[in-house]
């Protein structure tokens, strides 16, 4: 019995560790290939030479809804993509879990919310989310043109579901991008993400 419990604990620990696997800031961002809501396949390596934002999302999460409700996330997507940044939303909710979408549902959601990301990628297996250690929605990552992860963490500095807090908060993604563009060190290269747990 004791041996079985030990085995169960060991198995659980390995599973938990795999959920928390992540890449360190300053390291090479793991390459991946995922299909988007239109059926087009994208690999991170396709965007070599460009800044890439990865945004883990779940449209039912109140923290995500905070940023999309009045168009704040859409405005940031528009500003950055117009500057040449590739913005990839990633949905890692497993089938049957909150936030899961089919390709058709995801595409309808993008149109309904007027999302302005480059693409919404579907990661129902959770493989890419686990590779990056994505824990919350939103959970944000910024990758530089050399493929190095230069920021990971929260979207901004105020951990709430209140839309009125957005204007008062420091947007970490924008700040990291601005610093990188200016050739300056990123003041907050790692922050603690906040939001709903990713529904693996």
C-alpha atoms as a PDB file:
ATOM      1  CA  UNK A   1       0.000   0.000   0.000  1.00  0.00           C
ATOM      2  CA  UNK A   2       2.828   2.353   1.001  1.00  0.00           C
ATOM      3  CA  UNK A   3       4.623   1.573  -2.269  1.00  0.00           C
ATOM      4  CA  UNK A   4       1.463   2.348  -4.314  1.00  0.00           C
ATOM      5  CA  UNK A   5       1.009   5.680  -2.533  1.00  0.00           C
ATOM      6  CA  UNK A   6       4.637   6.564  -3.217  1.00  0.00           C
ATOM      7  CA  UNK A   7       4.168   5.716  -6.878  1.00  0.00           C
ATOM      8  CA  UNK A   8       0.966   7.777  -7.014  1.00  0.00           C
ATOM      9  CA  UNK A   9       2.732  10.731  -5.382  1.00  0.00           C
ATOM     10  CA  UNK A  10       5.649  10.452  -7.797  1.00  0.00           C
ATOM     11  CA  UNK A  11       3.302  10.307 -10.772  1.00  0.00           C
ATOM     12  CA  UNK A  12       1.337  13.304  -9.502  1.00  0.00           C
ATOM     13  CA  UNK A  13       4.545  15.237  -8.959  1.00  0.00           C
ATOM     14  CA  UNK A  14       5.729  14.565 -12.511  1.00  0.00           C
ATOM     15  CA  UNK A  15       2.339  15.648 -13.853  1.00  0.00           C
ATOM     16  CA  UNK A  16       2.381  18.842 -11.757  1.00  0.00           C
ATOM     17  CA  UNK A  17       5.930  19.573 -12.845  1.00  0.00           C
ATOM     18  CA  UNK A  18       4.982  19.162 -16.488  1.00  0.00           C
ATOM     19  CA  UNK A  19       2.182  21.687 -16.007  1.00  0.00           C
ATOM     20  CA  UNK A  20       4.663  24.188 -14.593  1.00  0.00           C
ATOM     21  CA  UNK A  21       7.354  23.631 -17.217  1.00  0.00           C
ATOM     22  CA  UNK A  22       8.410  26.971 -18.632  1.00  0.00           C
ATOM     23  CA  UNK A  23      11.083  28.855 -20.498  1.00  0.00           C
ATOM     24  CA  UNK A  24      13.321  31.365 -18.755  1.00  0.00           C
ATOM     25  CA  UNK A  25      13.311  34.987 -19.796  1.00  0.00           C
ATOM     26  CA  UNK A  26      16.439  35.565 -21.872  1.00  0.00           C
ATOM     27  CA  UNK A  27      16.312  32.031 -23.304  1.00  0.00           C
ATOM     28  CA  UNK A  28      15.282  30.922 -26.774  1.00  0.00           C
ATOM     29  CA  UNK A  29      11.501  30.745 -27.077  1.00  0.00           C
ATOM     30  CA  UNK A  30      10.351  27.176 -27.865  1.00  0.00           C
ATOM     31  CA  UNK A  31       9.224  26.759 -31.452  1.00  0.00           C
ATOM     32  CA  UNK A  32       5.758  25.346 -32.043  1.00  0.00           C
ATOM     33  CA  UNK A  33       3.220  24.791 -34.795  1.00  0.00           C
ATOM     34  CA  UNK A  34      -0.513  25.342 -34.292  1.00  0.00           C
ATOM     35  CA  UNK A  35      -3.520  25.865 -36.543  1.00  0.00           C
ATOM     36  CA  UNK A  36      -5.539  29.048 -36.312  1.00  0.00           C
ATOM     37  CA  UNK A  37      -9.299  29.552 -36.430  1.00  0.00           C
ATOM     38  CA  UNK A  38      -9.250  29.675 -40.248  1.00  0.00           C
ATOM     39  CA  UNK A  39      -7.361  26.385 -40.540  1.00  0.00           C
ATOM     40  CA  UNK A  40      -4.015  27.984 -41.423  1.00  0.00           C
ATOM     41  CA  UNK A  41      -0.959  26.488 -39.709  1.00  0.00           C
ATOM     42  CA  UNK A  42       1.544  28.818 -38.025  1.00  0.00           C
ATOM     43  CA  UNK A  43       4.986  28.081 -36.598  1.00  0.00           C
ATOM     44  CA  UNK A  44       6.795  30.515 -34.342  1.00  0.00           C
ATOM     45  CA  UNK A  45       9.827  30.150 -36.625  1.00  0.00           C
ATOM     46  CA  UNK A  46       7.732  31.596 -39.479  1.00  0.00           C
ATOM     47  CA  UNK A  47       8.054  34.966 -37.772  1.00  0.00           C
ATOM     48  CA  UNK A  48      11.832  35.111 -37.357  1.00  0.00           C
ATOM     49  CA  UNK A  49      13.013  38.703 -37.574  1.00  0.00           C
ATOM     50  CA  UNK A  50       9.842  40.095 -35.987  1.00  0.00           C
ATOM     51  CA  UNK A  51       8.647  40.803 -32.485  1.00  0.00           C
ATOM     52  CA  UNK A  52       5.968  38.307 -31.434  1.00  0.00           C
ATOM     53  CA  UNK A  53       3.409  38.652 -28.644  1.00  0.00           C
ATOM     54  CA  UNK A  54       1.813  35.479 -27.279  1.00  0.00           C
ATOM     55  CA  UNK A  55      -1.434  36.062 -25.379  1.00  0.00           C
ATOM     56  CA  UNK A  56      -3.062  33.153 -23.560  1.00  0.00           C
ATOM     57  CA  UNK A  57      -6.793  33.784 -23.562  1.00  0.00           C
ATOM     58  CA  UNK A  58     -10.168  32.417 -22.425  1.00  0.00           C
ATOM     59  CA  UNK A  59     -13.183  34.469 -23.463  1.00  0.00           C
ATOM     60  CA  UNK A  60     -15.221  33.380 -20.404  1.00  0.00           C
ATOM     61  CA  UNK A  61     -12.586  34.580 -17.929  1.00  0.00           C
ATOM     62  CA  UNK A  62     -13.574  37.878 -16.214  1.00  0.00           C
ATOM     63  CA  UNK A  63      -9.938  39.049 -16.282  1.00  0.00           C
ATOM     64  CA  UNK A  64      -9.881  38.604 -20.054  1.00  0.00           C
ATOM     65  CA  UNK A  65     -13.301  40.212 -20.371  1.00  0.00           C
ATOM     66  CA  UNK A  66     -11.949  43.235 -18.456  1.00  0.00           C
ATOM     67  CA  UNK A  67      -9.397  43.909 -21.203  1.00  0.00           C
ATOM     68  CA  UNK A  68     -11.705  43.223 -24.159  1.00  0.00           C
ATOM     69  CA  UNK A  69     -14.915  44.801 -22.834  1.00  0.00           C
ATOM     70  CA  UNK A  70     -14.119  48.402 -23.767  1.00  0.00           C
ATOM     71  CA  UNK A  71     -11.664  47.622 -26.546  1.00  0.00           C
ATOM     72  CA  UNK A  72      -8.418  48.120 -24.607  1.00  0.00           C
ATOM     73  CA  UNK A  73      -6.797  44.849 -25.699  1.00  0.00           C
ATOM     74  CA  UNK A  74      -7.995  45.392 -29.262  1.00  0.00           C
ATOM     75  CA  UNK A  75      -6.420  48.874 -29.255  1.00  0.00           C
ATOM     76  CA  UNK A  76      -3.104  47.452 -28.051  1.00  0.00           C
ATOM     77  CA  UNK A  77      -3.268  44.710 -30.696  1.00  0.00           C
ATOM     78  CA  UNK A  78      -3.945  47.311 -33.381  1.00  0.00           C
ATOM     79  CA  UNK A  79      -1.130  49.603 -32.262  1.00  0.00           C
ATOM     80  CA  UNK A  80       1.458  46.843 -32.063  1.00  0.00           C
ATOM     81  CA  UNK A  81       0.500  44.936 -35.215  1.00  0.00           C
ATOM     82  CA  UNK A  82       0.500  48.189 -37.195  1.00  0.00           C
ATOM     83  CA  UNK A  83       4.074  48.599 -35.947  1.00  0.00           C
ATOM     84  CA  UNK A  84       4.981  45.208 -37.436  1.00  0.00           C
ATOM     85  CA  UNK A  85       4.523  43.037 -34.341  1.00  0.00           C
ATOM     86  CA  UNK A  86       2.957  39.569 -34.773  1.00  0.00           C
ATOM     87  CA  UNK A  87       0.289  39.045 -32.108  1.00  0.00           C
ATOM     88  CA  UNK A  88      -0.830  35.458 -31.529  1.00  0.00           C
ATOM     89  CA  UNK A  89      -3.673  34.616 -29.184  1.00  0.00           C
ATOM     90  CA  UNK A  90      -3.427  31.076 -27.828  1.00  0.00           C
ATOM     91  CA  UNK A  91      -6.387  29.078 -26.522  1.00  0.00           C
ATOM     92  CA  UNK A  92      -5.159  26.145 -24.434  1.00  0.00           C
ATOM     93  CA  UNK A  93      -8.509  25.195 -22.873  1.00  0.00           C
ATOM     94  CA  UNK A  94      -9.088  21.461 -23.290  1.00  0.00           C
ATOM     95  CA  UNK A  95     -12.243  20.190 -24.981  1.00  0.00           C
ATOM     96  CA  UNK A  96     -15.072  20.223 -22.455  1.00  0.00           C
ATOM     97  CA  UNK A  97     -13.350  22.847 -20.291  1.00  0.00           C
ATOM     98  CA  UNK A  98     -14.201  26.531 -19.898  1.00  0.00           C
ATOM     99  CA  UNK A  99     -12.874  28.616 -22.782  1.00  0.00           C
ATOM    100  CA  UNK A 100     -12.556  25.771 -25.292  1.00  0.00           C
ATOM    101  CA  UNK A 101     -13.521  26.821 -28.804  1.00  0.00           C
ATOM    102  CA  UNK A 102     -13.729  25.058 -32.132  1.00  0.00           C
ATOM    103  CA  UNK A 103     -12.158  26.789 -35.105  1.00  0.00           C
ATOM    104  CA  UNK A 104     -15.571  28.128 -36.187  1.00  0.00           C
ATOM    105  CA  UNK A 105     -16.418  29.346 -32.671  1.00  0.00           C
ATOM    106  CA  UNK A 106     -13.039  31.022 -32.322  1.00  0.00           C
ATOM    107  CA  UNK A 107     -13.393  32.791 -35.658  1.00  0.00           C
ATOM    108  CA  UNK A 108     -16.898  33.987 -34.742  1.00  0.00           C
ATOM    109  CA  UNK A 109     -15.563  35.237 -31.417  1.00  0.00           C
ATOM    110  CA  UNK A 110     -12.781  37.168 -33.132  1.00  0.00           C
ATOM    111  CA  UNK A 111     -15.307  38.896 -35.363  1.00  0.00           C
ATOM    112  CA  UNK A 112     -17.816  39.545 -32.589  1.00  0.00           C
ATOM    113  CA  UNK A 113     -15.205  41.097 -30.272  1.00  0.00           C
ATOM    114  CA  UNK A 114     -13.415  42.814 -33.178  1.00  0.00           C
ATOM    115  CA  UNK A 115     -10.117  41.273 -32.097  1.00  0.00           C
ATOM    116  CA  UNK A 116      -7.127  42.608 -34.004  1.00  0.00           C
ATOM    117  CA  UNK A 117      -4.520  39.964 -33.293  1.00  0.00           C
ATOM    118  CA  UNK A 118      -2.654  38.372 -36.180  1.00  0.00           C
ATOM    119  CA  UNK A 119      -4.302  35.022 -35.442  1.00  0.00           C
ATOM    120  CA  UNK A 120      -5.991  32.960 -32.742  1.00  0.00           C
ATOM    121  CA  UNK A 121      -4.199  29.627 -32.340  1.00  0.00           C
ATOM    122  CA  UNK A 122      -5.876  26.485 -31.018  1.00  0.00           C
ATOM    123  CA  UNK A 123      -3.920  24.432 -28.460  1.00  0.00           C
ATOM    124  CA  UNK A 124      -6.576  22.085 -27.048  1.00  0.00           C
ATOM    125  CA  UNK A 125      -3.901  19.501 -26.175  1.00  0.00           C
ATOM    126  CA  UNK A 126      -2.217  22.106 -23.973  1.00  0.00           C
ATOM    127  CA  UNK A 127       1.189  21.133 -25.339  1.00  0.00           C
ATOM    128  CA  UNK A 128       2.273  24.674 -26.210  1.00  0.00           C
ATOM    129  CA  UNK A 129       0.783  26.169 -23.062  1.00  0.00           C
ATOM    130  CA  UNK A 130       2.705  23.717 -20.909  1.00  0.00           C
ATOM    131  CA  UNK A 131       5.924  24.300 -22.872  1.00  0.00           C
ATOM    132  CA  UNK A 132       5.689  27.988 -22.009  1.00  0.00           C
ATOM    133  CA  UNK A 133       4.372  27.452 -18.493  1.00  0.00           C
ATOM    134  CA  UNK A 134       1.238  29.479 -19.253  1.00  0.00           C
ATOM    135  CA  UNK A 135      -0.732  29.608 -16.013  1.00  0.00           C
ATOM    136  CA  UNK A 136      -3.376  32.279 -16.383  1.00  0.00           C
ATOM    137  CA  UNK A 137      -5.608  34.054 -18.845  1.00  0.00           C
ATOM    138  CA  UNK A 138      -4.295  36.447 -19.774  1.00  0.00           C
ATOM    139  CA  UNK A 139      -0.631  35.366 -19.580  1.00  0.00           C
ATOM    140  CA  UNK A 140       1.605  37.417 -21.857  1.00  0.00           C
ATOM    141  CA  UNK A 141       4.938  36.750 -23.563  1.00  0.00           C
ATOM    142  CA  UNK A 142       7.089  38.967 -25.785  1.00  0.00           C
ATOM    143  CA  UNK A 143       9.665  37.429 -28.118  1.00  0.00           C
ATOM    144  CA  UNK A 144      12.274  39.542 -29.913  1.00  0.00           C
ATOM    145  CA  UNK A 145      13.306  39.264 -33.591  1.00  0.00           C
ATOM    146  CA  UNK A 146      16.139  36.867 -32.657  1.00  0.00           C
ATOM    147  CA  UNK A 147      13.647  34.471 -31.082  1.00  0.00           C
ATOM    148  CA  UNK A 148      14.562  35.298 -27.483  1.00  0.00           C
ATOM    149  CA  UNK A 149      11.870  35.524 -24.831  1.00  0.00           C
ATOM    150  CA  UNK A 150      12.322  39.025 -23.396  1.00  0.00           C
ATOM    151  CA  UNK A 151       9.159  39.416 -21.294  1.00  0.00           C
ATOM    152  CA  UNK A 152       6.692  37.117 -19.579  1.00  0.00           C
ATOM    153  CA  UNK A 153       3.966  37.669 -17.025  1.00  0.00           C
ATOM    154  CA  UNK A 154       0.967  39.912 -16.470  1.00  0.00           C
ATOM    155  CA  UNK A 155      -0.629  42.210 -19.004  1.00  0.00           C
ATOM    156  CA  UNK A 156      -0.457  45.102 -16.550  1.00  0.00           C
ATOM    157  CA  UNK A 157       0.260  46.155 -12.979  1.00  0.00           C
ATOM    158  CA  UNK A 158      -3.233  46.168 -11.425  1.00  0.00           C
ATOM    159  CA  UNK A 159      -4.591  42.718 -10.602  1.00  0.00           C
ATOM    160  CA  UNK A 160      -8.326  43.223 -10.826  1.00  0.00           C
ATOM    161  CA  UNK A 161     -11.355  42.591 -13.028  1.00  0.00           C
ATOM    162  CA  UNK A 162     -12.302  46.300 -13.036  1.00  0.00           C
ATOM    163  CA  UNK A 163     -12.072  48.012 -16.421  1.00  0.00           C
ATOM    164  CA  UNK A 164     -11.536  51.391 -14.760  1.00  0.00           C
ATOM    165  CA  UNK A 165      -8.176  50.149 -13.448  1.00  0.00           C
ATOM    166  CA  UNK A 166      -6.708  49.717 -16.932  1.00  0.00           C
ATOM    167  CA  UNK A 167      -6.036  53.427 -17.466  1.00  0.00           C
ATOM    168  CA  UNK A 168      -4.196  53.646 -14.116  1.00  0.00           C
ATOM    169  CA  UNK A 169      -2.079  50.524 -14.649  1.00  0.00           C
ATOM    170  CA  UNK A 170       1.339  50.136 -16.220  1.00  0.00           C
ATOM    171  CA  UNK A 171       0.983  47.955 -19.314  1.00  0.00           C
ATOM    172  CA  UNK A 172       3.972  45.638 -19.030  1.00  0.00           C
ATOM    173  CA  UNK A 173       3.764  44.370 -22.616  1.00  0.00           C
ATOM    174  CA  UNK A 174       3.812  47.852 -24.122  1.00  0.00           C
ATOM    175  CA  UNK A 175       6.564  48.948 -21.742  1.00  0.00           C
ATOM    176  CA  UNK A 176       8.717  45.916 -22.589  1.00  0.00           C
ATOM    177  CA  UNK A 177       8.258  46.484 -26.309  1.00  0.00           C
ATOM    178  CA  UNK A 178       9.054  50.194 -26.052  1.00  0.00           C
ATOM    179  CA  UNK A 179      12.238  49.477 -24.072  1.00  0.00           C
ATOM    180  CA  UNK A 180      13.348  46.761 -26.498  1.00  0.00           C
ATOM    181  CA  UNK A 181      12.721  49.055 -29.470  1.00  0.00           C
ATOM    182  CA  UNK A 182      14.792  51.777 -27.822  1.00  0.00           C
ATOM    183  CA  UNK A 183      17.627  49.360 -27.073  1.00  0.00           C
ATOM    184  CA  UNK A 184      17.121  49.834 -23.335  1.00  0.00           C
ATOM    185  CA  UNK A 185      16.971  47.183 -20.579  1.00  0.00           C
ATOM    186  CA  UNK A 186      13.448  45.986 -19.781  1.00  0.00           C
ATOM    187  CA  UNK A 187      12.670  47.153 -16.245  1.00  0.00           C
ATOM    188  CA  UNK A 188      10.090  44.447 -15.547  1.00  0.00           C
ATOM    189  CA  UNK A 189      11.111  41.469 -17.671  1.00  0.00           C
ATOM    190  CA  UNK A 190       9.342  38.989 -15.361  1.00  0.00           C
ATOM    191  CA  UNK A 191       6.096  39.702 -13.553  1.00  0.00           C
ATOM    192  CA  UNK A 192       3.543  37.489 -11.825  1.00  0.00           C
ATOM    193  CA  UNK A 193       0.632  36.787 -14.191  1.00  0.00           C
ATOM    194  CA  UNK A 194      -2.884  37.225 -12.882  1.00  0.00           C
ATOM    195  CA  UNK A 195      -6.225  35.933 -14.112  1.00  0.00           C
ATOM    196  CA  UNK A 196      -8.121  32.658 -14.389  1.00  0.00           C
ATOM    197  CA  UNK A 197      -6.142  29.446 -14.432  1.00  0.00           C
ATOM    198  CA  UNK A 198      -5.549  27.953 -17.884  1.00  0.00           C
ATOM    199  CA  UNK A 199      -8.072  25.128 -18.212  1.00  0.00           C
ATOM    200  CA  UNK A 200      -5.788  22.279 -19.335  1.00  0.00           C
END
